[in-house]
Amino acid sequence: MTARNKRIPKPTKRRGPGRPRKADPANQVVPVKLSKELIAEIDAWRAVAGVKFRSAAIRRLIEEALQRRKR
């Protein structure tokens, strides 16, 4: 007679429900509320500067402002 109820191994390394892992300190997301007028200005600058994404444009503007401040 053959065994009908064979044990099927389950995956051992499963993450349960809970908070997601913390982001890398170099790549943290910082949500910011901006007015429609400011977003329009950022989008206009983005088009002139040749930046593809709004988030990249905001990052670049902040980096440039900080570089000017250091001088």
C-alpha atoms as a PDB file:
ATOM      1  CA  MET A   1       0.000   0.000   0.000  1.00  0.00           C
ATOM      2  CA  THR A   2       1.290   3.490  -0.871  1.00  0.00           C
ATOM      3  CA  ALA A   3       1.222   6.441   1.463  1.00  0.00           C
ATOM      4  CA  ARG A   4      -1.434   8.899   0.354  1.00  0.00           C
ATOM      5  CA  ASN A   5      -0.686  11.742   2.718  1.00  0.00           C
ATOM      6  CA  LYS A   6       2.840  12.682   1.827  1.00  0.00           C
ATOM      7  CA  ARG A   7       4.171  15.717   3.585  1.00  0.00           C
ATOM      8  CA  ILE A   8       4.863  18.639   1.231  1.00  0.00           C
ATOM      9  CA  PRO A   9       7.561  20.961   2.600  1.00  0.00           C
ATOM     10  CA  LYS A  10       6.539  24.610   2.880  1.00  0.00           C
ATOM     11  CA  PRO A  11       8.879  27.534   2.236  1.00  0.00           C
ATOM     12  CA  THR A  12      10.758  28.327   5.418  1.00  0.00           C
ATOM     13  CA  LYS A  13      11.749  31.966   4.848  1.00  0.00           C
ATOM     14  CA  ARG A  14       8.471  33.801   4.467  1.00  0.00           C
ATOM     15  CA  ARG A  15       7.928  37.282   5.737  1.00  0.00           C
ATOM     16  CA  GLY A  16       4.759  37.743   7.661  1.00  0.00           C
ATOM     17  CA  PRO A  17       2.523  40.779   7.506  1.00  0.00           C
ATOM     18  CA  GLY A  18       3.888  43.928   9.025  1.00  0.00           C
ATOM     19  CA  ARG A  19       5.753  47.083   8.292  1.00  0.00           C
ATOM     20  CA  PRO A  20       7.956  47.161   5.222  1.00  0.00           C
ATOM     21  CA  ARG A  21      11.699  47.243   5.632  1.00  0.00           C
ATOM     22  CA  LYS A  22      13.254  50.624   6.271  1.00  0.00           C
ATOM     23  CA  ALA A  23      14.624  52.418   3.253  1.00  0.00           C
ATOM     24  CA  ASP A  24      18.316  52.908   2.698  1.00  0.00           C
ATOM     25  CA  PRO A  25      19.305  56.205   4.413  1.00  0.00           C
ATOM     26  CA  ALA A  26      20.644  57.481   1.090  1.00  0.00           C
ATOM     27  CA  ASN A  27      17.310  56.905  -0.661  1.00  0.00           C
ATOM     28  CA  GLN A  28      14.592  57.930   1.754  1.00  0.00           C
ATOM     29  CA  VAL A  29      11.277  59.213   0.459  1.00  0.00           C
ATOM     30  CA  VAL A  30      10.259  62.594   1.856  1.00  0.00           C
ATOM     31  CA  PRO A  31       6.684  63.552   0.984  1.00  0.00           C
ATOM     32  CA  VAL A  32       6.150  67.277   0.465  1.00  0.00           C
ATOM     33  CA  LYS A  33       2.976  69.227  -0.266  1.00  0.00           C
ATOM     34  CA  LEU A  34       3.438  71.827  -3.001  1.00  0.00           C
ATOM     35  CA  SER A  35       1.026  74.389  -4.387  1.00  0.00           C
ATOM     36  CA  LYS A  36      -0.263  74.098  -7.939  1.00  0.00           C
ATOM     37  CA  GLU A  37       1.630  77.243  -8.900  1.00  0.00           C
ATOM     38  CA  LEU A  38       4.926  75.886  -7.596  1.00  0.00           C
ATOM     39  CA  ILE A  39       4.371  72.559  -9.370  1.00  0.00           C
ATOM     40  CA  ALA A  40       3.714  74.442 -12.606  1.00  0.00           C
ATOM     41  CA  GLU A  41       6.977  76.386 -12.155  1.00  0.00           C
ATOM     42  CA  ILE A  42       8.893  73.194 -11.466  1.00  0.00           C
ATOM     43  CA  ASP A  43       7.396  71.541 -14.559  1.00  0.00           C
ATOM     44  CA  ALA A  44       8.323  74.565 -16.693  1.00  0.00           C
ATOM     45  CA  TRP A  45      11.907  74.506 -15.371  1.00  0.00           C
ATOM     46  CA  ARG A  46      12.032  70.736 -15.914  1.00  0.00           C
ATOM     47  CA  ALA A  47      11.140  71.171 -19.591  1.00  0.00           C
ATOM     48  CA  VAL A  48      13.804  73.852 -20.097  1.00  0.00           C
ATOM     49  CA  ALA A  49      16.496  71.960 -18.177  1.00  0.00           C
ATOM     50  CA  GLY A  50      15.771  68.697 -19.999  1.00  0.00           C
ATOM     51  CA  VAL A  51      14.985  66.701 -16.873  1.00  0.00           C
ATOM     52  CA  LYS A  52      12.680  63.762 -17.561  1.00  0.00           C
ATOM     53  CA  PHE A  53      10.847  63.339 -14.236  1.00  0.00           C
ATOM     54  CA  ARG A  54       9.426  65.828 -11.742  1.00  0.00           C
ATOM     55  CA  SER A  55      11.037  64.035  -8.796  1.00  0.00           C
ATOM     56  CA  ALA A  56      14.440  64.270 -10.477  1.00  0.00           C
ATOM     57  CA  ALA A  57      13.846  67.962 -11.159  1.00  0.00           C
ATOM     58  CA  ILE A  58      12.986  68.658  -7.520  1.00  0.00           C
ATOM     59  CA  ARG A  59      16.046  66.690  -6.380  1.00  0.00           C
ATOM     60  CA  ARG A  60      18.271  68.632  -8.781  1.00  0.00           C
ATOM     61  CA  LEU A  61      16.855  72.004  -7.698  1.00  0.00           C
ATOM     62  CA  ILE A  62      17.475  71.167  -4.043  1.00  0.00           C
ATOM     63  CA  GLU A  63      21.023  69.964  -4.749  1.00  0.00           C
ATOM     64  CA  GLU A  64      21.809  73.145  -6.716  1.00  0.00           C
ATOM     65  CA  ALA A  65      20.385  75.342  -3.950  1.00  0.00           C
ATOM     66  CA  LEU A  66      22.497  73.548  -1.340  1.00  0.00           C
ATOM     67  CA  GLN A  67      25.636  73.890  -3.484  1.00  0.00           C
ATOM     68  CA  ARG A  68      25.048  77.654  -3.807  1.00  0.00           C
ATOM     69  CA  ARG A  69      24.494  77.912  -0.065  1.00  0.00           C
ATOM     70  CA  LYS A  70      27.845  76.237   0.693  1.00  0.00           C
ATOM     71  CA  ARG A  71      29.790  78.832  -1.314  1.00  0.00           C
END
